[in-house]
N, C-alpha and C. Protein backbone atom coordinates (compact mmCIF):
# COMPACT_ATOMS: atom_id res chain seq x y z
N MET A 1 -0.36 -22.28 29.82
CA MET A 1 0.44 -21.28 29.13
C MET A 1 -0.21 -19.92 29.30
N ARG A 2 0.56 -18.92 29.70
CA ARG A 2 -0.01 -17.60 29.95
C ARG A 2 -0.29 -16.86 28.65
N GLU A 3 -1.28 -15.98 28.69
CA GLU A 3 -1.60 -15.14 27.53
C GLU A 3 -0.49 -14.13 27.33
N ARG A 4 -0.19 -13.80 26.09
CA ARG A 4 0.85 -12.81 25.80
C ARG A 4 0.19 -11.46 25.54
N SER A 5 0.68 -10.43 26.20
CA SER A 5 0.13 -9.10 25.99
C SER A 5 0.72 -8.50 24.73
N PHE A 6 0.11 -7.42 24.25
CA PHE A 6 0.65 -6.70 23.10
C PHE A 6 2.09 -6.27 23.36
N GLU A 7 2.35 -5.84 24.58
CA GLU A 7 3.72 -5.42 24.93
C GLU A 7 4.70 -6.57 24.73
N ASP A 8 4.31 -7.77 25.18
CA ASP A 8 5.17 -8.94 25.00
C ASP A 8 5.42 -9.19 23.52
N ILE A 9 4.36 -9.17 22.75
CA ILE A 9 4.46 -9.47 21.32
C ILE A 9 5.28 -8.40 20.61
N LEU A 10 5.01 -7.15 20.90
CA LEU A 10 5.70 -6.07 20.20
C LEU A 10 7.17 -5.97 20.61
N SER A 11 7.47 -6.24 21.86
CA SER A 11 8.88 -6.21 22.23
C SER A 11 9.61 -7.36 21.53
N PHE A 12 8.93 -8.48 21.34
CA PHE A 12 9.52 -9.58 20.58
C PHE A 12 9.72 -9.17 19.13
N LEU A 13 8.71 -8.51 18.54
CA LEU A 13 8.80 -8.09 17.14
C LEU A 13 9.89 -7.06 16.92
N ASP A 14 10.13 -6.21 17.91
CA ASP A 14 11.13 -5.16 17.78
C ASP A 14 12.55 -5.63 18.06
N ASN A 15 12.70 -6.84 18.55
CA ASN A 15 14.03 -7.36 18.88
C ASN A 15 14.80 -7.65 17.59
N PRO A 16 15.88 -6.91 17.32
CA PRO A 16 16.62 -7.11 16.08
C PRO A 16 17.32 -8.46 15.99
N ARG A 17 17.48 -9.15 17.11
CA ARG A 17 18.16 -10.44 17.10
C ARG A 17 17.21 -11.61 16.93
N ARG A 18 15.92 -11.35 16.87
CA ARG A 18 14.97 -12.45 16.74
C ARG A 18 15.01 -13.04 15.35
N ARG A 19 14.57 -14.26 15.24
CA ARG A 19 14.50 -14.92 13.94
C ARG A 19 13.27 -14.42 13.19
N ARG A 20 13.39 -14.31 11.89
CA ARG A 20 12.25 -13.88 11.07
C ARG A 20 11.27 -15.03 10.92
N ASP A 21 9.99 -14.71 10.92
CA ASP A 21 8.99 -15.76 10.69
C ASP A 21 8.69 -15.86 9.20
N ARG A 22 7.97 -16.89 8.84
CA ARG A 22 7.67 -17.16 7.43
C ARG A 22 6.90 -16.01 6.78
N LEU A 23 5.98 -15.41 7.52
CA LEU A 23 5.17 -14.34 6.95
C LEU A 23 6.03 -13.12 6.59
N LEU A 24 6.99 -12.80 7.45
CA LEU A 24 7.89 -11.69 7.18
C LEU A 24 8.77 -11.99 5.97
N ILE A 25 9.31 -13.20 5.90
CA ILE A 25 10.16 -13.57 4.78
C ILE A 25 9.37 -13.51 3.47
N MET A 26 8.14 -13.99 3.50
CA MET A 26 7.30 -13.91 2.29
C MET A 26 7.09 -12.46 1.89
N ALA A 27 6.83 -11.60 2.86
CA ALA A 27 6.62 -10.18 2.57
C ALA A 27 7.89 -9.56 1.98
N GLU A 28 9.05 -9.91 2.51
CA GLU A 28 10.31 -9.37 1.99
C GLU A 28 10.54 -9.79 0.54
N ILE A 29 10.27 -11.04 0.22
CA ILE A 29 10.43 -11.52 -1.16
C ILE A 29 9.47 -10.80 -2.09
N LEU A 30 8.23 -10.68 -1.67
CA LEU A 30 7.22 -9.99 -2.50
C LEU A 30 7.59 -8.53 -2.71
N GLU A 31 8.13 -7.90 -1.68
CA GLU A 31 8.55 -6.50 -1.78
C GLU A 31 9.66 -6.35 -2.82
N VAL A 32 10.63 -7.25 -2.79
CA VAL A 32 11.75 -7.20 -3.73
C VAL A 32 11.25 -7.40 -5.16
N ALA A 33 10.23 -8.23 -5.33
CA ALA A 33 9.77 -8.60 -6.67
C ALA A 33 8.69 -7.68 -7.25
N ILE A 34 8.37 -6.59 -6.58
CA ILE A 34 7.31 -5.71 -7.08
C ILE A 34 7.61 -5.24 -8.51
N GLU A 35 8.82 -4.79 -8.75
CA GLU A 35 9.20 -4.30 -10.08
C GLU A 35 9.78 -5.41 -10.95
N GLY A 36 9.87 -6.62 -10.40
CA GLY A 36 10.49 -7.74 -11.09
C GLY A 36 11.90 -7.94 -10.58
N ALA A 37 12.28 -9.18 -10.33
CA ALA A 37 13.61 -9.46 -9.79
C ALA A 37 14.06 -10.86 -10.19
N LEU A 38 15.37 -10.99 -10.34
CA LEU A 38 15.97 -12.29 -10.58
C LEU A 38 16.17 -13.01 -9.25
N LYS A 39 16.37 -14.32 -9.31
CA LYS A 39 16.58 -15.10 -8.09
C LYS A 39 17.73 -14.54 -7.25
N THR A 40 18.82 -14.23 -7.91
CA THR A 40 20.00 -13.74 -7.18
C THR A 40 19.68 -12.46 -6.43
N GLN A 41 18.96 -11.55 -7.07
CA GLN A 41 18.59 -10.29 -6.42
C GLN A 41 17.73 -10.55 -5.19
N MET A 42 16.76 -11.45 -5.34
CA MET A 42 15.87 -11.75 -4.21
C MET A 42 16.65 -12.43 -3.08
N MET A 43 17.55 -13.34 -3.45
CA MET A 43 18.33 -14.06 -2.45
C MET A 43 19.14 -13.09 -1.58
N TYR A 44 19.81 -12.15 -2.21
CA TYR A 44 20.65 -11.21 -1.46
C TYR A 44 19.82 -10.18 -0.70
N ARG A 45 18.79 -9.63 -1.34
CA ARG A 45 18.01 -8.58 -0.68
C ARG A 45 17.13 -9.11 0.44
N ALA A 46 16.70 -10.39 0.35
CA ALA A 46 15.89 -10.99 1.42
C ALA A 46 16.76 -11.78 2.39
N ASN A 47 18.07 -11.80 2.14
CA ASN A 47 19.03 -12.46 3.02
C ASN A 47 18.68 -13.94 3.26
N LEU A 48 18.54 -14.67 2.14
CA LEU A 48 18.19 -16.09 2.19
C LEU A 48 19.24 -16.91 1.46
N SER A 49 19.37 -18.17 1.85
CA SER A 49 20.22 -19.08 1.09
C SER A 49 19.48 -19.47 -0.19
N PHE A 50 20.21 -20.06 -1.13
CA PHE A 50 19.60 -20.48 -2.39
C PHE A 50 18.50 -21.51 -2.13
N ALA A 51 18.77 -22.46 -1.23
CA ALA A 51 17.78 -23.50 -0.91
C ALA A 51 16.53 -22.90 -0.27
N GLN A 52 16.72 -21.96 0.67
CA GLN A 52 15.58 -21.32 1.32
C GLN A 52 14.76 -20.54 0.29
N LEU A 53 15.45 -19.79 -0.56
CA LEU A 53 14.74 -19.00 -1.57
C LEU A 53 13.91 -19.90 -2.46
N ASN A 54 14.47 -21.00 -2.91
CA ASN A 54 13.72 -21.91 -3.79
C ASN A 54 12.47 -22.45 -3.12
N GLU A 55 12.55 -22.72 -1.82
CA GLU A 55 11.38 -23.19 -1.07
C GLU A 55 10.29 -22.12 -1.07
N TYR A 56 10.67 -20.88 -0.79
CA TYR A 56 9.70 -19.79 -0.75
C TYR A 56 9.16 -19.45 -2.14
N LEU A 57 10.01 -19.51 -3.16
CA LEU A 57 9.55 -19.23 -4.52
C LEU A 57 8.49 -20.24 -4.94
N LYS A 58 8.72 -21.50 -4.65
CA LYS A 58 7.74 -22.53 -4.99
C LYS A 58 6.41 -22.25 -4.29
N LEU A 59 6.48 -21.94 -3.01
CA LEU A 59 5.28 -21.63 -2.24
C LEU A 59 4.54 -20.43 -2.82
N LEU A 60 5.27 -19.34 -3.07
CA LEU A 60 4.64 -18.11 -3.57
C LEU A 60 4.10 -18.27 -4.99
N LEU A 61 4.78 -19.07 -5.81
CA LEU A 61 4.27 -19.35 -7.16
C LEU A 61 3.01 -20.21 -7.08
N ASP A 62 3.03 -21.23 -6.23
CA ASP A 62 1.85 -22.10 -6.06
C ASP A 62 0.64 -21.32 -5.55
N MET A 63 0.92 -20.33 -4.68
CA MET A 63 -0.16 -19.52 -4.11
C MET A 63 -0.56 -18.37 -5.03
N LYS A 64 0.11 -18.28 -6.17
CA LYS A 64 -0.15 -17.23 -7.18
C LYS A 64 0.08 -15.82 -6.65
N MET A 65 1.07 -15.70 -5.74
CA MET A 65 1.48 -14.38 -5.25
C MET A 65 2.66 -13.86 -6.04
N LEU A 66 3.35 -14.76 -6.73
CA LEU A 66 4.45 -14.42 -7.63
C LEU A 66 4.15 -15.05 -8.98
N GLU A 67 4.68 -14.42 -10.02
CA GLU A 67 4.56 -14.99 -11.36
C GLU A 67 5.86 -14.78 -12.12
N ILE A 68 6.03 -15.54 -13.16
CA ILE A 68 7.15 -15.36 -14.08
C ILE A 68 6.53 -14.95 -15.41
N PRO A 69 6.58 -13.66 -15.75
CA PRO A 69 5.97 -13.21 -17.00
C PRO A 69 6.54 -13.98 -18.19
N GLU A 70 5.66 -14.35 -19.13
CA GLU A 70 6.07 -15.16 -20.27
C GLU A 70 7.02 -14.42 -21.20
N ASN A 71 6.94 -13.12 -21.24
CA ASN A 71 7.75 -12.35 -22.19
C ASN A 71 9.15 -12.03 -21.67
N SER A 72 9.51 -12.53 -20.48
CA SER A 72 10.82 -12.20 -19.93
C SER A 72 11.89 -13.13 -20.52
N VAL A 73 13.00 -12.53 -20.93
CA VAL A 73 14.11 -13.29 -21.49
C VAL A 73 14.76 -14.13 -20.40
N LYS A 74 15.07 -13.51 -19.28
CA LYS A 74 15.59 -14.22 -18.11
C LYS A 74 14.40 -14.56 -17.21
N LYS A 75 14.63 -15.43 -16.25
CA LYS A 75 13.57 -15.84 -15.33
C LYS A 75 13.37 -14.75 -14.28
N VAL A 76 12.54 -13.78 -14.60
CA VAL A 76 12.26 -12.65 -13.72
C VAL A 76 10.96 -12.96 -12.97
N TYR A 77 10.99 -12.79 -11.67
CA TYR A 77 9.82 -13.02 -10.83
C TYR A 77 9.18 -11.68 -10.52
N LYS A 78 7.85 -11.65 -10.58
CA LYS A 78 7.12 -10.40 -10.35
C LYS A 78 5.96 -10.67 -9.39
N THR A 79 5.74 -9.74 -8.49
CA THR A 79 4.64 -9.85 -7.53
C THR A 79 3.31 -9.65 -8.26
N THR A 80 2.35 -10.54 -8.02
CA THR A 80 1.03 -10.45 -8.64
C THR A 80 0.12 -9.53 -7.81
N SER A 81 -1.09 -9.32 -8.30
CA SER A 81 -2.04 -8.50 -7.55
C SER A 81 -2.41 -9.18 -6.23
N LYS A 82 -2.47 -10.51 -6.23
CA LYS A 82 -2.73 -11.24 -4.98
C LYS A 82 -1.57 -11.04 -4.01
N GLY A 83 -0.35 -11.04 -4.51
CA GLY A 83 0.82 -10.79 -3.67
C GLY A 83 0.81 -9.38 -3.12
N MET A 84 0.36 -8.42 -3.94
CA MET A 84 0.26 -7.03 -3.48
C MET A 84 -0.78 -6.89 -2.36
N ARG A 85 -1.88 -7.63 -2.48
CA ARG A 85 -2.89 -7.61 -1.41
C ARG A 85 -2.32 -8.19 -0.12
N TYR A 86 -1.52 -9.25 -0.24
CA TYR A 86 -0.86 -9.83 0.94
C TYR A 86 0.05 -8.79 1.59
N LEU A 87 0.87 -8.12 0.77
CA LEU A 87 1.78 -7.10 1.30
C LEU A 87 1.02 -5.99 2.01
N GLN A 88 -0.07 -5.54 1.41
CA GLN A 88 -0.87 -4.48 2.01
C GLN A 88 -1.44 -4.93 3.36
N SER A 89 -1.96 -6.14 3.41
CA SER A 89 -2.51 -6.66 4.67
C SER A 89 -1.41 -6.82 5.72
N TYR A 90 -0.26 -7.30 5.30
CA TYR A 90 0.86 -7.48 6.22
C TYR A 90 1.28 -6.13 6.81
N ARG A 91 1.36 -5.12 5.97
CA ARG A 91 1.74 -3.78 6.44
C ARG A 91 0.70 -3.22 7.40
N GLU A 92 -0.59 -3.43 7.10
CA GLU A 92 -1.66 -2.91 7.96
C GLU A 92 -1.59 -3.55 9.35
N ILE A 93 -1.38 -4.85 9.39
CA ILE A 93 -1.27 -5.54 10.69
C ILE A 93 -0.05 -5.03 11.45
N HIS A 94 1.06 -4.90 10.76
CA HIS A 94 2.29 -4.41 11.39
C HIS A 94 2.07 -3.00 11.95
N ASP A 95 1.45 -2.12 11.16
CA ASP A 95 1.18 -0.75 11.61
C ASP A 95 0.21 -0.73 12.79
N LEU A 96 -0.80 -1.59 12.74
CA LEU A 96 -1.77 -1.66 13.83
C LEU A 96 -1.09 -2.04 15.14
N LEU A 97 -0.20 -3.01 15.09
CA LEU A 97 0.51 -3.43 16.29
C LEU A 97 1.42 -2.32 16.81
N ARG A 98 2.07 -1.61 15.91
CA ARG A 98 2.94 -0.50 16.32
C ARG A 98 2.13 0.63 16.96
N LYS A 99 0.98 0.97 16.36
CA LYS A 99 0.13 2.03 16.91
C LYS A 99 -0.38 1.64 18.28
N GLU A 100 -0.78 0.39 18.44
CA GLU A 100 -1.28 -0.09 19.72
C GLU A 100 -0.18 0.02 20.78
N ARG A 101 1.04 -0.30 20.38
CA ARG A 101 2.14 -0.22 21.34
C ARG A 101 2.38 1.23 21.76
N SER A 102 2.41 2.15 20.82
CA SER A 102 2.66 3.54 21.19
C SER A 102 1.50 4.09 22.02
N HIS A 103 0.28 3.67 21.72
CA HIS A 103 -0.88 4.09 22.51
C HIS A 103 -0.77 3.57 23.94
N ASN A 104 -0.42 2.30 24.09
CA ASN A 104 -0.32 1.70 25.42
C ASN A 104 0.85 2.24 26.22
N SER A 105 1.95 2.54 25.55
CA SER A 105 3.10 3.04 26.30
C SER A 105 2.85 4.48 26.76
N GLY A 106 1.98 5.20 26.09
CA GLY A 106 1.69 6.58 26.47
C GLY A 106 0.83 6.70 27.71
N ASN A 107 -0.05 5.71 27.94
CA ASN A 107 -0.93 5.82 29.09
C ASN A 107 -0.63 4.79 30.18
N GLY A 108 0.45 4.05 30.03
CA GLY A 108 0.83 3.08 31.05
C GLY A 108 -0.04 1.84 31.07
N ASN A 109 -0.97 1.71 30.13
CA ASN A 109 -1.87 0.56 30.10
C ASN A 109 -1.39 -0.43 29.06
N SER A 110 -0.86 -1.56 29.50
CA SER A 110 -0.42 -2.57 28.55
C SER A 110 -1.21 -3.85 28.71
N ALA A 111 -2.40 -3.76 29.33
CA ALA A 111 -3.20 -4.95 29.58
C ALA A 111 -4.11 -5.26 28.40
N VAL A 112 -3.55 -5.33 27.20
CA VAL A 112 -4.30 -5.73 26.03
C VAL A 112 -3.71 -7.05 25.57
N PHE A 113 -4.57 -8.01 25.25
CA PHE A 113 -4.11 -9.35 24.94
C PHE A 113 -4.66 -9.82 23.60
N LEU A 114 -3.90 -10.69 22.94
CA LEU A 114 -4.39 -11.42 21.78
C LEU A 114 -4.87 -12.76 22.30
N VAL A 115 -6.11 -13.11 22.00
CA VAL A 115 -6.69 -14.33 22.50
C VAL A 115 -7.23 -15.13 21.33
N LYS A 116 -6.91 -16.42 21.28
CA LYS A 116 -7.43 -17.26 20.21
C LYS A 116 -8.69 -17.93 20.70
N ARG A 117 -9.77 -17.72 19.96
CA ARG A 117 -11.04 -18.36 20.26
C ARG A 117 -11.47 -19.10 19.00
N GLY A 118 -11.38 -20.41 19.03
CA GLY A 118 -11.68 -21.19 17.84
C GLY A 118 -10.66 -20.87 16.77
N SER A 119 -11.15 -20.45 15.61
CA SER A 119 -10.24 -20.11 14.51
C SER A 119 -9.97 -18.61 14.45
N GLN A 120 -10.50 -17.84 15.40
CA GLN A 120 -10.33 -16.40 15.38
C GLN A 120 -9.32 -15.95 16.43
N VAL A 121 -8.58 -14.91 16.09
CA VAL A 121 -7.71 -14.25 17.06
C VAL A 121 -8.32 -12.88 17.31
N ILE A 122 -8.61 -12.60 18.56
CA ILE A 122 -9.25 -11.33 18.89
C ILE A 122 -8.40 -10.55 19.88
N CYS A 123 -8.61 -9.24 19.90
CA CYS A 123 -7.98 -8.36 20.87
C CYS A 123 -8.92 -8.24 22.06
N SER A 124 -8.34 -8.30 23.23
CA SER A 124 -9.17 -8.17 24.42
C SER A 124 -8.37 -7.47 25.50
N LYS A 125 -9.06 -6.70 26.31
CA LYS A 125 -8.41 -6.05 27.44
C LYS A 125 -8.58 -6.89 28.70
N GLY A 126 -9.25 -8.05 28.59
CA GLY A 126 -9.44 -8.91 29.76
C GLY A 126 -10.51 -8.34 30.65
N PRO A 127 -10.90 -8.93 31.72
CA PRO A 127 -10.50 -10.28 32.14
C PRO A 127 -11.15 -11.34 31.25
N PHE A 128 -10.62 -12.55 31.33
CA PHE A 128 -11.09 -13.60 30.42
C PHE A 128 -12.03 -14.53 31.12
């Protein structure tokens, strides 16, 4: 299997017809719930079915990225500080990839690769 360059990855990320990955969907749900949100609001704003939303809510609650404040009359979901840290990290990675793409497109050099070594993913310009 060939290594994928940043250009390959970023053109995939920029494709509006691509399917969303789990990390993006989690980020969208957490973003909606920052100020607190009902299930219906999250379902529509994150463009998920009721079944999909319930799966993600269970995951995010188990991971303590979402909470249901005890004082809420309705079941309002709110992003926790751990969820906010996830969102911040997700945004930083997304911005880093975008900056790398604009940098590479400016100088014609797109020979930067993501390489998995053990449990780490590193950036490399090659050769390998």
